Amino acid sequence: MCDIADARAPTLVLIDGSALQGGESALAGAITMLQQSAWRDAPIVILDDSGADLIRGFAAGYAARIRLDSSPEAIAQLIEKMMHTAV
């Protein structure tokens, strides 16, 4: 976890959803915290575990969601797309 009190906002925020304790509610809390910080304009990408149902849970406020077991190329393409969208 980075210090979101830092005044410099990142270009992109990646959240490892599988590392959060508490499922969708913990994810929603993390996104809310980011939206209330200097990082509010950075697009958020959620990296989920391999068993995640990407359709089931939906914490509002993120730009994209992808499984960690996706190919490295697919993850890289998504990150690249989000980086271009953010600019």
C-alpha atoms as a PDB file:
ATOM      1  CA  MET A   1       0.000   0.000   0.000  1.00  0.00           C
ATOM      2  CA  CYS A   2       1.296   3.425  -0.888  1.00  0.00           C
ATOM      3  CA  ASP A   3       0.854   6.578   1.122  1.00  0.00           C
ATOM      4  CA  ILE A   4      -2.168   8.265  -0.472  1.00  0.00           C
ATOM      5  CA  ALA A   5      -1.483  11.387   1.571  1.00  0.00           C
ATOM      6  CA  ASP A   6       1.294  12.094  -0.932  1.00  0.00           C
ATOM      7  CA  ALA A   7       0.265  15.174  -2.896  1.00  0.00           C
ATOM      8  CA  ARG A   8       1.613  13.701  -6.139  1.00  0.00           C
ATOM      9  CA  ALA A   9      -1.085  11.679  -7.820  1.00  0.00           C
ATOM     10  CA  PRO A  10      -0.091   8.612  -9.832  1.00  0.00           C
ATOM     11  CA  THR A  11      -1.064   8.084 -13.455  1.00  0.00           C
ATOM     12  CA  LEU A  12      -2.690   4.753 -12.619  1.00  0.00           C
ATOM     13  CA  VAL A  13      -3.636   2.883  -9.428  1.00  0.00           C
ATOM     14  CA  LEU A  14      -3.448  -0.930  -9.344  1.00  0.00           C
ATOM     15  CA  ILE A  15      -5.229  -2.740  -6.511  1.00  0.00           C
ATOM     16  CA  ASP A  16      -4.552  -6.415  -5.841  1.00  0.00           C
ATOM     17  CA  GLY A  17      -8.077  -7.459  -4.924  1.00  0.00           C
ATOM     18  CA  SER A  18      -6.923 -10.885  -3.766  1.00  0.00           C
ATOM     19  CA  ALA A  19      -4.737  -9.272  -1.085  1.00  0.00           C
ATOM     20  CA  LEU A  20      -7.628  -7.384   0.523  1.00  0.00           C
ATOM     21  CA  GLN A  21      -9.343  -8.930   3.546  1.00  0.00           C
ATOM     22  CA  GLY A  22     -13.103  -8.441   3.403  1.00  0.00           C
ATOM     23  CA  GLY A  23     -13.979  -8.979  -0.250  1.00  0.00           C
ATOM     24  CA  GLU A  24     -16.088  -6.454  -2.126  1.00  0.00           C
ATOM     25  CA  SER A  25     -16.725  -4.282   0.939  1.00  0.00           C
ATOM     26  CA  ALA A  26     -12.970  -3.916   1.552  1.00  0.00           C
ATOM     27  CA  LEU A  27     -12.483  -3.099  -2.122  1.00  0.00           C
ATOM     28  CA  ALA A  28     -15.255  -0.497  -2.011  1.00  0.00           C
ATOM     29  CA  GLY A  29     -13.654   1.022   1.107  1.00  0.00           C
ATOM     30  CA  ALA A  30     -10.244   1.239  -0.565  1.00  0.00           C
ATOM     31  CA  ILE A  31     -11.748   2.883  -3.647  1.00  0.00           C
ATOM     32  CA  THR A  32     -13.688   5.360  -1.506  1.00  0.00           C
ATOM     33  CA  MET A  33     -10.494   6.265   0.351  1.00  0.00           C
ATOM     34  CA  LEU A  34      -8.700   6.860  -2.964  1.00  0.00           C
ATOM     35  CA  GLN A  35     -11.582   8.962  -4.319  1.00  0.00           C
ATOM     36  CA  GLN A  36     -11.359  11.213  -1.269  1.00  0.00           C
ATOM     37  CA  SER A  37      -7.620  11.746  -1.656  1.00  0.00           C
ATOM     38  CA  ALA A  38      -5.310  13.628  -4.000  1.00  0.00           C
ATOM     39  CA  TRP A  39      -5.352  10.432  -6.095  1.00  0.00           C
ATOM     40  CA  ARG A  40      -9.051  10.803  -7.021  1.00  0.00           C
ATOM     41  CA  ASP A  41      -8.409  11.421 -10.735  1.00  0.00           C
ATOM     42  CA  ALA A  42      -6.138   8.417 -11.296  1.00  0.00           C
ATOM     43  CA  PRO A  43      -7.892   5.481 -13.006  1.00  0.00           C
ATOM     44  CA  ILE A  44      -8.121   2.399 -10.810  1.00  0.00           C
ATOM     45  CA  VAL A  45      -7.481  -1.115 -12.152  1.00  0.00           C
ATOM     46  CA  ILE A  46      -8.428  -4.082  -9.976  1.00  0.00           C
ATOM     47  CA  LEU A  47      -6.319  -7.257 -10.257  1.00  0.00           C
ATOM     48  CA  ASP A  48      -8.458 -10.185  -9.025  1.00  0.00           C
ATOM     49  CA  ASP A  49      -7.551 -13.729  -8.052  1.00  0.00           C
ATOM     50  CA  SER A  50      -8.033 -16.511 -10.563  1.00  0.00           C
ATOM     51  CA  GLY A  51     -11.354 -17.642  -9.092  1.00  0.00           C
ATOM     52  CA  ALA A  52     -12.935 -14.204  -9.007  1.00  0.00           C
ATOM     53  CA  ASP A  53     -16.280 -13.687 -10.654  1.00  0.00           C
ATOM     54  CA  LEU A  54     -15.697 -10.355 -12.376  1.00  0.00           C
ATOM     55  CA  ILE A  55     -19.391  -9.950 -13.142  1.00  0.00           C
ATOM     56  CA  ARG A  56     -20.660 -10.688  -9.605  1.00  0.00           C
ATOM     57  CA  GLY A  57     -19.181  -8.000  -7.404  1.00  0.00           C
ATOM     58  CA  PHE A  58     -18.901  -4.431  -8.555  1.00  0.00           C
ATOM     59  CA  ALA A  59     -17.312  -1.732  -6.422  1.00  0.00           C
ATOM     60  CA  ALA A  60     -18.150   1.533  -8.177  1.00  0.00           C
ATOM     61  CA  GLY A  61     -15.300   3.798  -9.048  1.00  0.00           C
ATOM     62  CA  TYR A  62     -12.792   1.632 -10.849  1.00  0.00           C
ATOM     63  CA  ALA A  63     -11.877   1.889 -14.523  1.00  0.00           C
ATOM     64  CA  ALA A  64     -11.210  -1.800 -15.236  1.00  0.00           C
ATOM     65  CA  ARG A  65     -10.935  -5.206 -13.653  1.00  0.00           C
ATOM     66  CA  ILE A  66      -8.861  -8.222 -14.768  1.00  0.00           C
ATOM     67  CA  ARG A  67      -7.911 -11.592 -13.319  1.00  0.00           C
ATOM     68  CA  LEU A  68      -4.341 -12.128 -12.135  1.00  0.00           C
ATOM     69  CA  ASP A  69      -4.222 -15.389 -14.078  1.00  0.00           C
ATOM     70  CA  SER A  70      -4.790 -13.542 -17.358  1.00  0.00           C
ATOM     71  CA  SER A  71      -1.872 -13.640 -19.735  1.00  0.00           C
ATOM     72  CA  PRO A  72       0.889 -11.122 -19.033  1.00  0.00           C
ATOM     73  CA  GLU A  73       0.192  -9.690 -22.481  1.00  0.00           C
ATOM     74  CA  ALA A  74      -3.495  -9.105 -21.658  1.00  0.00           C
ATOM     75  CA  ILE A  75      -2.607  -7.396 -18.375  1.00  0.00           C
ATOM     76  CA  ALA A  76       0.034  -5.268 -20.119  1.00  0.00           C
ATOM     77  CA  GLN A  77      -2.451  -4.284 -22.845  1.00  0.00           C
ATOM     78  CA  LEU A  78      -5.036  -3.263 -20.266  1.00  0.00           C
ATOM     79  CA  ILE A  79      -2.496  -1.203 -18.316  1.00  0.00           C
ATOM     80  CA  GLU A  80      -1.286   0.425 -21.532  1.00  0.00           C
ATOM     81  CA  LYS A  81      -4.873   1.252 -22.507  1.00  0.00           C
ATOM     82  CA  MET A  82      -5.569   2.768 -19.084  1.00  0.00           C
ATOM     83  CA  MET A  83      -2.346   4.789 -19.213  1.00  0.00           C
ATOM     84  CA  HIS A  84      -3.371   6.298 -22.569  1.00  0.00           C
ATOM     85  CA  THR A  85      -6.897   6.966 -21.298  1.00  0.00           C
ATOM     86  CA  ALA A  86      -5.502   8.761 -18.248  1.00  0.00           C
ATOM     87  CA  VAL A  87      -3.368  11.157 -20.298  1.00  0.00           C
END
